[in-house]
Amino acid sequence: LEVARALEQRRLTVMPLSLHGANALAGA
């Protein structure tokens, strides 16, 4: 989940395997 937060401003394609991670990246 901390990794997800660290990727919020990056240009990547990400598939998170938890709803916590998906929520952290939803507004990226």
mmCIF file of all heavy atoms, coordinates in Angstrom:
data_MODEL
# 
_entry.id   MODEL 
# 
loop_
_atom_site.group_PDB 
_atom_site.id 
_atom_site.type_symbol 
_atom_site.label_atom_id 
_atom_site.label_alt_id 
_atom_site.label_comp_id 
_atom_site.label_asym_id 
_atom_site.label_entity_id 
_atom_site.label_seq_id 
_atom_site.pdbx_PDB_ins_code 
_atom_site.Cartn_x 
_atom_site.Cartn_y 
_atom_site.Cartn_z 
_atom_site.occupancy 
_atom_site.B_iso_or_equiv 
_atom_site.pdbx_formal_charge 
_atom_site.auth_seq_id 
_atom_site.auth_comp_id 
_atom_site.auth_asym_id 
_atom_site.auth_atom_id 
_atom_site.pdbx_PDB_model_num 
ATOM 1   N N   . LEU A 1 1  ? 0.839   -1.202 0.000   1.00 0.00 ? 1  LEU A N   1 
ATOM 2   C CA  . LEU A 1 1  ? 0.000   0.000  0.000   1.00 0.00 ? 1  LEU A CA  1 
ATOM 3   C C   . LEU A 1 1  ? 0.872   1.249  0.000   1.00 0.00 ? 1  LEU A C   1 
ATOM 4   O O   . LEU A 1 1  ? 0.564   2.234  -0.695  1.00 0.00 ? 1  LEU A O   1 
ATOM 5   C CB  . LEU A 1 1  ? -0.927  -0.006 1.212   1.00 0.00 ? 1  LEU A CB  1 
ATOM 6   C CG  . LEU A 1 1  ? -1.820  1.225  1.389   1.00 0.00 ? 1  LEU A CG  1 
ATOM 7   C CD1 . LEU A 1 1  ? -2.676  1.485  0.155   1.00 0.00 ? 1  LEU A CD1 1 
ATOM 8   C CD2 . LEU A 1 1  ? -2.700  1.071  2.631   1.00 0.00 ? 1  LEU A CD2 1 
ATOM 9   N N   . GLU A 1 2  ? 1.976   1.234  0.742   1.00 0.00 ? 2  GLU A N   1 
ATOM 10  C CA  . GLU A 1 2  ? 2.904   2.373  0.701   1.00 0.00 ? 2  GLU A CA  1 
ATOM 11  C C   . GLU A 1 2  ? 3.548   2.506  -0.677  1.00 0.00 ? 2  GLU A C   1 
ATOM 12  O O   . GLU A 1 2  ? 3.787   3.613  -1.156  1.00 0.00 ? 2  GLU A O   1 
ATOM 13  C CB  . GLU A 1 2  ? 3.975   2.224  1.782   1.00 0.00 ? 2  GLU A CB  1 
ATOM 14  C CG  . GLU A 1 2  ? 3.466   2.354  3.204   1.00 0.00 ? 2  GLU A CG  1 
ATOM 15  C CD  . GLU A 1 2  ? 2.841   3.708  3.505   1.00 0.00 ? 2  GLU A CD  1 
ATOM 16  O OE1 . GLU A 1 2  ? 3.176   4.706  2.821   1.00 0.00 ? 2  GLU A OE1 1 
ATOM 17  O OE2 . GLU A 1 2  ? 2.000   3.785  4.419   1.00 0.00 ? 2  GLU A OE2 1 
ATOM 18  N N   . VAL A 1 3  ? 3.817   1.374  -1.343  1.00 0.00 ? 3  VAL A N   1 
ATOM 19  C CA  . VAL A 1 3  ? 4.341   1.433  -2.712  1.00 0.00 ? 3  VAL A CA  1 
ATOM 20  C C   . VAL A 1 3  ? 3.313   2.100  -3.621  1.00 0.00 ? 3  VAL A C   1 
ATOM 21  O O   . VAL A 1 3  ? 3.663   2.956  -4.451  1.00 0.00 ? 3  VAL A O   1 
ATOM 22  C CB  . VAL A 1 3  ? 4.701   0.030  -3.230  1.00 0.00 ? 3  VAL A CB  1 
ATOM 23  C CG1 . VAL A 1 3  ? 5.126   0.099  -4.697  1.00 0.00 ? 3  VAL A CG1 1 
ATOM 24  C CG2 . VAL A 1 3  ? 5.806   -0.595 -2.388  1.00 0.00 ? 3  VAL A CG2 1 
ATOM 25  N N   . ALA A 1 4  ? 2.046   1.741  -3.475  1.00 0.00 ? 4  ALA A N   1 
ATOM 26  C CA  . ALA A 1 4  ? 0.992   2.367  -4.291  1.00 0.00 ? 4  ALA A CA  1 
ATOM 27  C C   . ALA A 1 4  ? 1.016   3.885  -4.115  1.00 0.00 ? 4  ALA A C   1 
ATOM 28  O O   . ALA A 1 4  ? 0.940   4.641  -5.100  1.00 0.00 ? 4  ALA A O   1 
ATOM 29  C CB  . ALA A 1 4  ? -0.376  1.795  -3.911  1.00 0.00 ? 4  ALA A CB  1 
ATOM 30  N N   . ARG A 1 5  ? 1.116   4.334  -2.885  1.00 0.00 ? 5  ARG A N   1 
ATOM 31  C CA  . ARG A 1 5  ? 1.140   5.784  -2.623  1.00 0.00 ? 5  ARG A CA  1 
ATOM 32  C C   . ARG A 1 5  ? 2.357   6.448  -3.251  1.00 0.00 ? 5  ARG A C   1 
ATOM 33  O O   . ARG A 1 5  ? 2.293   7.602  -3.689  1.00 0.00 ? 5  ARG A O   1 
ATOM 34  C CB  . ARG A 1 5  ? 1.101   6.026  -1.119  1.00 0.00 ? 5  ARG A CB  1 
ATOM 35  C CG  . ARG A 1 5  ? -0.244  5.650  -0.483  1.00 0.00 ? 5  ARG A CG  1 
ATOM 36  C CD  . ARG A 1 5  ? -0.177  5.609  1.025   1.00 0.00 ? 5  ARG A CD  1 
ATOM 37  N NE  . ARG A 1 5  ? -1.494  5.349  1.605   1.00 0.00 ? 5  ARG A NE  1 
ATOM 38  C CZ  . ARG A 1 5  ? -1.692  4.807  2.796   1.00 0.00 ? 5  ARG A CZ  1 
ATOM 39  N NH1 . ARG A 1 5  ? -0.653  4.460  3.557   1.00 0.00 ? 5  ARG A NH1 1 
ATOM 40  N NH2 . ARG A 1 5  ? -2.922  4.608  3.243   1.00 0.00 ? 5  ARG A NH2 1 
ATOM 41  N N   . ALA A 1 6  ? 3.480   5.716  -3.307  1.00 0.00 ? 6  ALA A N   1 
ATOM 42  C CA  . ALA A 1 6  ? 4.700   6.271  -3.903  1.00 0.00 ? 6  ALA A CA  1 
ATOM 43  C C   . ALA A 1 6  ? 4.628   6.343  -5.422  1.00 0.00 ? 6  ALA A C   1 
ATOM 44  O O   . ALA A 1 6  ? 5.453   7.022  -6.051  1.00 0.00 ? 6  ALA A O   1 
ATOM 45  C CB  . ALA A 1 6  ? 5.904   5.425  -3.482  1.00 0.00 ? 6  ALA A CB  1 
ATOM 46  N N   . LEU A 1 7  ? 3.656   5.656  -6.029  1.00 0.00 ? 7  LEU A N   1 
ATOM 47  C CA  . LEU A 1 7  ? 3.540   5.623  -7.496  1.00 0.00 ? 7  LEU A CA  1 
ATOM 48  C C   . LEU A 1 7  ? 2.481   6.575  -8.030  1.00 0.00 ? 7  LEU A C   1 
ATOM 49  O O   . LEU A 1 7  ? 2.259   6.633  -9.240  1.00 0.00 ? 7  LEU A O   1 
ATOM 50  C CB  . LEU A 1 7  ? 3.200   4.205  -7.955  1.00 0.00 ? 7  LEU A CB  1 
ATOM 51  C CG  . LEU A 1 7  ? 4.196   3.104  -7.589  1.00 0.00 ? 7  LEU A CG  1 
ATOM 52  C CD1 . LEU A 1 7  ? 3.721   1.768  -8.144  1.00 0.00 ? 7  LEU A CD1 1 
ATOM 53  C CD2 . LEU A 1 7  ? 5.596   3.436  -8.104  1.00 0.00 ? 7  LEU A CD2 1 
ATOM 54  N N   . GLU A 1 8  ? 1.858   7.335  -7.166  1.00 0.00 ? 8  GLU A N   1 
ATOM 55  C CA  . GLU A 1 8  ? 0.687   8.116  -7.554  1.00 0.00 ? 8  GLU A CA  1 
ATOM 56  C C   . GLU A 1 8  ? 0.967   9.099  -8.687  1.00 0.00 ? 8  GLU A C   1 
ATOM 57  O O   . GLU A 1 8  ? 0.096   9.374  -9.516  1.00 0.00 ? 8  GLU A O   1 
ATOM 58  C CB  . GLU A 1 8  ? 0.142   8.874  -6.336  1.00 0.00 ? 8  GLU A CB  1 
ATOM 59  C CG  . GLU A 1 8  ? -1.185  9.548  -6.588  1.00 0.00 ? 8  GLU A CG  1 
ATOM 60  C CD  . GLU A 1 8  ? -1.723  10.243 -5.349  1.00 0.00 ? 8  GLU A CD  1 
ATOM 61  O OE1 . GLU A 1 8  ? -1.025  10.250 -4.322  1.00 0.00 ? 8  GLU A OE1 1 
ATOM 62  O OE2 . GLU A 1 8  ? -2.841  10.780 -5.421  1.00 0.00 ? 8  GLU A OE2 1 
ATOM 63  N N   . GLN A 1 9  ? 2.169   9.646  -8.759  1.00 0.00 ? 9  GLN A N   1 
ATOM 64  C CA  . GLN A 1 9  ? 2.489   10.640 -9.787  1.00 0.00 ? 9  GLN A CA  1 
ATOM 65  C C   . GLN A 1 9  ? 3.240   10.061 -10.983 1.00 0.00 ? 9  GLN A C   1 
ATOM 66  O O   . GLN A 1 9  ? 3.687   10.809 -11.852 1.00 0.00 ? 9  GLN A O   1 
ATOM 67  C CB  . GLN A 1 9  ? 3.332   11.769 -9.161  1.00 0.00 ? 9  GLN A CB  1 
ATOM 68  C CG  . GLN A 1 9  ? 2.644   12.510 -8.028  1.00 0.00 ? 9  GLN A CG  1 
ATOM 69  C CD  . GLN A 1 9  ? 1.337   13.163 -8.463  1.00 0.00 ? 9  GLN A CD  1 
ATOM 70  O OE1 . GLN A 1 9  ? 1.241   13.720 -9.574  1.00 0.00 ? 9  GLN A OE1 1 
ATOM 71  N NE2 . GLN A 1 9  ? 0.317   13.084 -7.616  1.00 0.00 ? 9  GLN A NE2 1 
ATOM 72  N N   . ARG A 1 10 ? 3.348   8.738  -11.063 1.00 0.00 ? 10 ARG A N   1 
ATOM 73  C CA  . ARG A 1 10 ? 4.148   8.110  -12.105 1.00 0.00 ? 10 ARG A CA  1 
ATOM 74  C C   . ARG A 1 10 ? 3.316   7.779  -13.345 1.00 0.00 ? 10 ARG A C   1 
ATOM 75  O O   . ARG A 1 10 ? 2.100   7.625  -13.289 1.00 0.00 ? 10 ARG A O   1 
ATOM 76  C CB  . ARG A 1 10 ? 4.786   6.832  -11.550 1.00 0.00 ? 10 ARG A CB  1 
ATOM 77  C CG  . ARG A 1 10 ? 5.756   7.071  -10.410 1.00 0.00 ? 10 ARG A CG  1 
ATOM 78  C CD  . ARG A 1 10 ? 7.005   7.798  -10.880 1.00 0.00 ? 10 ARG A CD  1 
ATOM 79  N NE  . ARG A 1 10 ? 7.676   7.028  -11.907 1.00 0.00 ? 10 ARG A NE  1 
ATOM 80  C CZ  . ARG A 1 10 ? 8.517   6.016  -11.644 1.00 0.00 ? 10 ARG A CZ  1 
ATOM 81  N NH1 . ARG A 1 10 ? 8.788   5.668  -10.398 1.00 0.00 ? 10 ARG A NH1 1 
ATOM 82  N NH2 . ARG A 1 10 ? 9.111   5.363  -12.635 1.00 0.00 ? 10 ARG A NH2 1 
ATOM 83  N N   . ARG A 1 11 ? 4.026   7.614  -14.486 1.00 0.00 ? 11 ARG A N   1 
ATOM 84  C CA  . ARG A 1 11 ? 3.406   7.174  -15.741 1.00 0.00 ? 11 ARG A CA  1 
ATOM 85  C C   . ARG A 1 11 ? 3.638   5.674  -15.884 1.00 0.00 ? 11 ARG A C   1 
ATOM 86  O O   . ARG A 1 11 ? 4.635   5.218  -16.452 1.00 0.00 ? 11 ARG A O   1 
ATOM 87  C CB  . ARG A 1 11 ? 4.007   7.941  -16.924 1.00 0.00 ? 11 ARG A CB  1 
ATOM 88  C CG  . ARG A 1 11 ? 3.698   9.432  -16.904 1.00 0.00 ? 11 ARG A CG  1 
ATOM 89  C CD  . ARG A 1 11 ? 4.259   10.135 -18.125 1.00 0.00 ? 11 ARG A CD  1 
ATOM 90  N NE  . ARG A 1 11 ? 3.973   11.560 -18.109 1.00 0.00 ? 11 ARG A NE  1 
ATOM 91  C CZ  . ARG A 1 11 ? 2.857   12.125 -18.542 1.00 0.00 ? 11 ARG A CZ  1 
ATOM 92  N NH1 . ARG A 1 11 ? 1.902   11.348 -19.063 1.00 0.00 ? 11 ARG A NH1 1 
ATOM 93  N NH2 . ARG A 1 11 ? 2.676   13.419 -18.486 1.00 0.00 ? 11 ARG A NH2 1 
ATOM 94  N N   . LEU A 1 12 ? 2.730   4.920  -15.345 1.00 0.00 ? 12 LEU A N   1 
ATOM 95  C CA  . LEU A 1 12 ? 2.832   3.467  -15.310 1.00 0.00 ? 12 LEU A CA  1 
ATOM 96  C C   . LEU A 1 12 ? 1.461   2.856  -15.579 1.00 0.00 ? 12 LEU A C   1 
ATOM 97  O O   . LEU A 1 12 ? 0.441   3.536  -15.471 1.00 0.00 ? 12 LEU A O   1 
ATOM 98  C CB  . LEU A 1 12 ? 3.315   2.989  -13.933 1.00 0.00 ? 12 LEU A CB  1 
ATOM 99  C CG  . LEU A 1 12 ? 4.683   3.457  -13.439 1.00 0.00 ? 12 LEU A CG  1 
ATOM 100 C CD1 . LEU A 1 12 ? 4.801   3.209  -11.937 1.00 0.00 ? 12 LEU A CD1 1 
ATOM 101 C CD2 . LEU A 1 12 ? 5.797   2.732  -14.186 1.00 0.00 ? 12 LEU A CD2 1 
ATOM 102 N N   . THR A 1 13 ? 1.447   1.578  -15.901 1.00 0.00 ? 13 THR A N   1 
ATOM 103 C CA  . THR A 1 13 ? 0.216   0.802  -15.882 1.00 0.00 ? 13 THR A CA  1 
ATOM 104 C C   . THR A 1 13 ? 0.298   -0.121 -14.670 1.00 0.00 ? 13 THR A C   1 
ATOM 105 O O   . THR A 1 13 ? 1.244   -0.905 -14.553 1.00 0.00 ? 13 THR A O   1 
ATOM 106 C CB  . THR A 1 13 ? 0.065   -0.027 -17.164 1.00 0.00 ? 13 THR A CB  1 
ATOM 107 O OG1 . THR A 1 13 ? -0.032  0.854  -18.286 1.00 0.00 ? 13 THR A OG1 1 
ATOM 108 C CG2 . THR A 1 13 ? -1.177  -0.906 -17.100 1.00 0.00 ? 13 THR A CG2 1 
ATOM 109 N N   . VAL A 1 14 ? -0.656  -0.004 -13.767 1.00 0.00 ? 14 VAL A N   1 
ATOM 110 C CA  . VAL A 1 14 ? -0.578  -0.736 -12.498 1.00 0.00 ? 14 VAL A CA  1 
ATOM 111 C C   . VAL A 1 14 ? -1.877  -1.510 -12.248 1.00 0.00 ? 14 VAL A C   1 
ATOM 112 O O   . VAL A 1 14 ? -2.976  -0.947 -12.375 1.00 0.00 ? 14 VAL A O   1 
ATOM 113 C CB  . VAL A 1 14 ? -0.312  0.216  -11.307 1.00 0.00 ? 14 VAL A CB  1 
ATOM 114 C CG1 . VAL A 1 14 ? -0.226  -0.577 -10.000 1.00 0.00 ? 14 VAL A CG1 1 
ATOM 115 C CG2 . VAL A 1 14 ? 0.968   1.011  -11.532 1.00 0.00 ? 14 VAL A CG2 1 
ATOM 116 N N   . MET A 1 15 ? -1.725  -2.774 -11.898 1.00 0.00 ? 15 MET A N   1 
ATOM 117 C CA  . MET A 1 15 ? -2.860  -3.565 -11.420 1.00 0.00 ? 15 MET A CA  1 
ATOM 118 C C   . MET A 1 15 ? -2.638  -3.863 -9.933  1.00 0.00 ? 15 MET A C   1 
ATOM 119 O O   . MET A 1 15 ? -1.837  -4.736 -9.583  1.00 0.00 ? 15 MET A O   1 
ATOM 120 C CB  . MET A 1 15 ? -3.012  -4.875 -12.196 1.00 0.00 ? 15 MET A CB  1 
ATOM 121 C CG  . MET A 1 15 ? -4.154  -5.742 -11.646 1.00 0.00 ? 15 MET A CG  1 
ATOM 122 S SD  . MET A 1 15 ? -4.297  -7.357 -12.453 1.00 0.00 ? 15 MET A SD  1 
ATOM 123 C CE  . MET A 1 15 ? -5.233  -6.889 -13.925 1.00 0.00 ? 15 MET A CE  1 
ATOM 124 N N   . PRO A 1 16 ? -3.318  -3.171 -9.038  1.00 0.00 ? 16 PRO A N   1 
ATOM 125 C CA  . PRO A 1 16 ? -3.219  -3.484 -7.613  1.00 0.00 ? 16 PRO A CA  1 
ATOM 126 C C   . PRO A 1 16 ? -4.099  -4.686 -7.278  1.00 0.00 ? 16 PRO A C   1 
ATOM 127 O O   . PRO A 1 16 ? -5.192  -4.837 -7.820  1.00 0.00 ? 16 PRO A O   1 
ATOM 128 C CB  . PRO A 1 16 ? -3.720  -2.206 -6.925  1.00 0.00 ? 16 PRO A CB  1 
ATOM 129 C CG  . PRO A 1 16 ? -4.595  -1.556 -7.934  1.00 0.00 ? 16 PRO A CG  1 
ATOM 130 C CD  . PRO A 1 16 ? -4.165  -2.002 -9.297  1.00 0.00 ? 16 PRO A CD  1 
ATOM 131 N N   . LEU A 1 17 ? -3.626  -5.515 -6.368  1.00 0.00 ? 17 LEU A N   1 
ATOM 132 C CA  . LEU A 1 17 ? -4.346  -6.732 -5.997  1.00 0.00 ? 17 LEU A CA  1 
ATOM 133 C C   . LEU A 1 17 ? -5.106  -6.571 -4.682  1.00 0.00 ? 17 LEU A C   1 
ATOM 134 O O   . LEU A 1 17 ? -5.393  -7.562 -4.001  1.00 0.00 ? 17 LEU A O   1 
ATOM 135 C CB  . LEU A 1 17 ? -3.377  -7.911 -5.923  1.00 0.00 ? 17 LEU A CB  1 
ATOM 136 C CG  . LEU A 1 17 ? -2.687  -8.237 -7.249  1.00 0.00 ? 17 LEU A CG  1 
ATOM 137 C CD1 . LEU A 1 17 ? -1.681  -9.369 -7.072  1.00 0.00 ? 17 LEU A CD1 1 
ATOM 138 C CD2 . LEU A 1 17 ? -3.707  -8.578 -8.335  1.00 0.00 ? 17 LEU A CD2 1 
ATOM 139 N N   . SER A 1 18 ? -5.423  -5.331 -4.341  1.00 0.00 ? 18 SER A N   1 
ATOM 140 C CA  . SER A 1 18 ? -6.270  -5.076 -3.175  1.00 0.00 ? 18 SER A CA  1 
ATOM 141 C C   . SER A 1 18 ? -7.077  -3.812 -3.427  1.00 0.00 ? 18 SER A C   1 
ATOM 142 O O   . SER A 1 18 ? -6.668  -2.930 -4.203  1.00 0.00 ? 18 SER A O   1 
ATOM 143 C CB  . SER A 1 18 ? -5.438  -4.917 -1.904  1.00 0.00 ? 18 SER A CB  1 
ATOM 144 O OG  . SER A 1 18 ? -4.868  -3.622 -1.823  1.00 0.00 ? 18 SER A OG  1 
ATOM 145 N N   . LEU A 1 19 ? -8.228  -3.710 -2.758  1.00 0.00 ? 19 LEU A N   1 
ATOM 146 C CA  . LEU A 1 19 ? -9.029  -2.496 -2.873  1.00 0.00 ? 19 LEU A CA  1 
ATOM 147 C C   . LEU A 1 19 ? -8.360  -1.321 -2.182  1.00 0.00 ? 19 LEU A C   1 
ATOM 148 O O   . LEU A 1 19 ? -8.563  -0.175 -2.579  1.00 0.00 ? 19 LEU A O   1 
ATOM 149 C CB  . LEU A 1 19 ? -10.426 -2.741 -2.293  1.00 0.00 ? 19 LEU A CB  1 
ATOM 150 C CG  . LEU A 1 19 ? -11.270 -3.802 -3.012  1.00 0.00 ? 19 LEU A CG  1 
ATOM 151 C CD1 . LEU A 1 19 ? -12.672 -3.852 -2.425  1.00 0.00 ? 19 LEU A CD1 1 
ATOM 152 C CD2 . LEU A 1 19 ? -11.321 -3.541 -4.516  1.00 0.00 ? 19 LEU A CD2 1 
ATOM 153 N N   . HIS A 1 20 ? -7.548  -1.577 -1.164  1.00 0.00 ? 20 HIS A N   1 
ATOM 154 C CA  . HIS A 1 20 ? -6.771  -0.493 -0.541  1.00 0.00 ? 20 HIS A CA  1 
ATOM 155 C C   . HIS A 1 20 ? -5.841  0.139  -1.579  1.00 0.00 ? 20 HIS A C   1 
ATOM 156 O O   . HIS A 1 20 ? -5.757  1.373  -1.694  1.00 0.00 ? 20 HIS A O   1 
ATOM 157 C CB  . HIS A 1 20 ? -5.945  -1.020 0.632   1.00 0.00 ? 20 HIS A CB  1 
ATOM 158 C CG  . HIS A 1 20 ? -6.739  -1.374 1.843   1.00 0.00 ? 20 HIS A CG  1 
ATOM 159 N ND1 . HIS A 1 20 ? -7.537  -0.484 2.519   1.00 0.00 ? 20 HIS A ND1 1 
ATOM 160 C CD2 . HIS A 1 20 ? -6.834  -2.559 2.529   1.00 0.00 ? 20 HIS A CD2 1 
ATOM 161 C CE1 . HIS A 1 20 ? -8.095  -1.073 3.563   1.00 0.00 ? 20 HIS A CE1 1 
ATOM 162 N NE2 . HIS A 1 20 ? -7.696  -2.326 3.588   1.00 0.00 ? 20 HIS A NE2 1 
ATOM 163 N N   . GLY A 1 21 ? -5.115  -0.714 -2.320  1.00 0.00 ? 21 GLY A N   1 
ATOM 164 C CA  . GLY A 1 21 ? -4.205  -0.204 -3.340  1.00 0.00 ? 21 GLY A CA  1 
ATOM 165 C C   . GLY A 1 21 ? -4.929  0.489  -4.467  1.00 0.00 ? 21 GLY A C   1 
ATOM 166 O O   . GLY A 1 21 ? -4.492  1.531  -4.963  1.00 0.00 ? 21 GLY A O   1 
ATOM 167 N N   . ALA A 1 22 ? -6.062  -0.075 -4.901  1.00 0.00 ? 22 ALA A N   1 
ATOM 168 C CA  . ALA A 1 22 ? -6.843  0.544  -5.970  1.00 0.00 ? 22 ALA A CA  1 
ATOM 169 C C   . ALA A 1 22 ? -7.344  1.922  -5.554  1.00 0.00 ? 22 ALA A C   1 
ATOM 170 O O   . ALA A 1 22 ? -7.307  2.879  -6.344  1.00 0.00 ? 22 ALA A O   1 
ATOM 171 C CB  . ALA A 1 22 ? -8.018  -0.360 -6.344  1.00 0.00 ? 22 ALA A CB  1 
ATOM 172 N N   . ASN A 1 23 ? -7.792  2.035  -4.309  1.00 0.00 ? 23 ASN A N   1 
ATOM 173 C CA  . ASN A 1 23 ? -8.281  3.317  -3.817  1.00 0.00 ? 23 ASN A CA  1 
ATOM 174 C C   . ASN A 1 23 ? -7.162  4.349  -3.766  1.00 0.00 ? 23 ASN A C   1 
ATOM 175 O O   . ASN A 1 23 ? -7.369  5.524  -4.096  1.00 0.00 ? 23 ASN A O   1 
ATOM 176 C CB  . ASN A 1 23 ? -8.901  3.137  -2.431  1.00 0.00 ? 23 ASN A CB  1 
ATOM 177 C CG  . ASN A 1 23 ? -9.523  4.414  -1.913  1.00 0.00 ? 23 ASN A CG  1 
ATOM 178 O OD1 . ASN A 1 23 ? -10.423 4.978  -2.519  1.00 0.00 ? 23 ASN A OD1 1 
ATOM 179 N ND2 . ASN A 1 23 ? -9.037  4.882  -0.773  1.00 0.00 ? 23 ASN A ND2 1 
ATOM 180 N N   . ALA A 1 24 ? -5.949  3.917  -3.371  1.00 0.00 ? 24 ALA A N   1 
ATOM 181 C CA  . ALA A 1 24 ? -4.815  4.843  -3.291  1.00 0.00 ? 24 ALA A CA  1 
ATOM 182 C C   . ALA A 1 24 ? -4.432  5.386  -4.664  1.00 0.00 ? 24 ALA A C   1 
ATOM 183 O O   . ALA A 1 24 ? -3.929  6.516  -4.773  1.00 0.00 ? 24 ALA A O   1 
ATOM 184 C CB  . ALA A 1 24 ? -3.615  4.141  -2.656  1.00 0.00 ? 24 ALA A CB  1 
ATOM 185 N N   . LEU A 1 25 ? -4.683  4.611  -5.722  1.00 0.00 ? 25 LEU A N   1 
ATOM 186 C CA  . LEU A 1 25 ? -4.268  5.011  -7.069  1.00 0.00 ? 25 LEU A CA  1 
ATOM 187 C C   . LEU A 1 25 ? -5.419  5.529  -7.934  1.00 0.00 ? 25 LEU A C   1 
ATOM 188 O O   . LEU A 1 25 ? -5.200  5.920  -9.077  1.00 0.00 ? 25 LEU A O   1 
ATOM 189 C CB  . LEU A 1 25 ? -3.609  3.822  -7.775  1.00 0.00 ? 25 LEU A CB  1 
ATOM 190 C CG  . LEU A 1 25 ? -2.271  3.375  -7.182  1.00 0.00 ? 25 LEU A CG  1 
ATOM 191 C CD1 . LEU A 1 25 ? -1.828  2.056  -7.804  1.00 0.00 ? 25 LEU A CD1 1 
ATOM 192 C CD2 . LEU A 1 25 ? -1.212  4.446  -7.386  1.00 0.00 ? 25 LEU A CD2 1 
ATOM 193 N N   . ALA A 1 26 ? -6.615  5.543  -7.367  1.00 0.00 ? 26 ALA A N   1 
ATOM 194 C CA  . ALA A 1 26 ? -7.791  5.883  -8.180  1.00 0.00 ? 26 ALA A CA  1 
ATOM 195 C C   . ALA A 1 26 ? -7.719  7.283  -8.777  1.00 0.00 ? 26 ALA A C   1 
ATOM 196 O O   . ALA A 1 26 ? -8.233  7.516  -9.876  1.00 0.00 ? 26 ALA A O   1 
ATOM 197 C CB  . ALA A 1 26 ? -9.060  5.735  -7.341  1.00 0.00 ? 26 ALA A CB  1 
ATOM 198 N N   . GLY A 1 27 ? -7.099  8.218  -8.097  1.00 0.00 ? 27 GLY A N   1 
ATOM 199 C CA  . GLY A 1 27 ? -7.030  9.581  -8.613  1.00 0.00 ? 27 GLY A CA  1 
ATOM 200 C C   . GLY A 1 27 ? -5.708  9.941  -9.261  1.00 0.00 ? 27 GLY A C   1 
ATOM 201 O O   . GLY A 1 27 ? -5.458  11.117 -9.563  1.00 0.00 ? 27 GLY A O   1 
ATOM 202 N N   . ALA A 1 28 ? -4.840  8.947  -9.490  1.00 0.00 ? 28 ALA A N   1 
ATOM 203 C CA  . ALA A 1 28 ? -3.522  9.226  -10.067 1.00 0.00 ? 28 ALA A CA  1 
ATOM 204 C C   . ALA A 1 28 ? -3.672  9.811  -11.467 1.00 0.00 ? 28 ALA A C   1 
ATOM 205 O O   . ALA A 1 28 ? -4.306  9.190  -12.334 1.00 0.00 ? 28 ALA A O   1 
ATOM 206 C CB  . ALA A 1 28 ? -2.695  7.948  -10.116 1.00 0.00 ? 28 ALA A CB  1 
# 
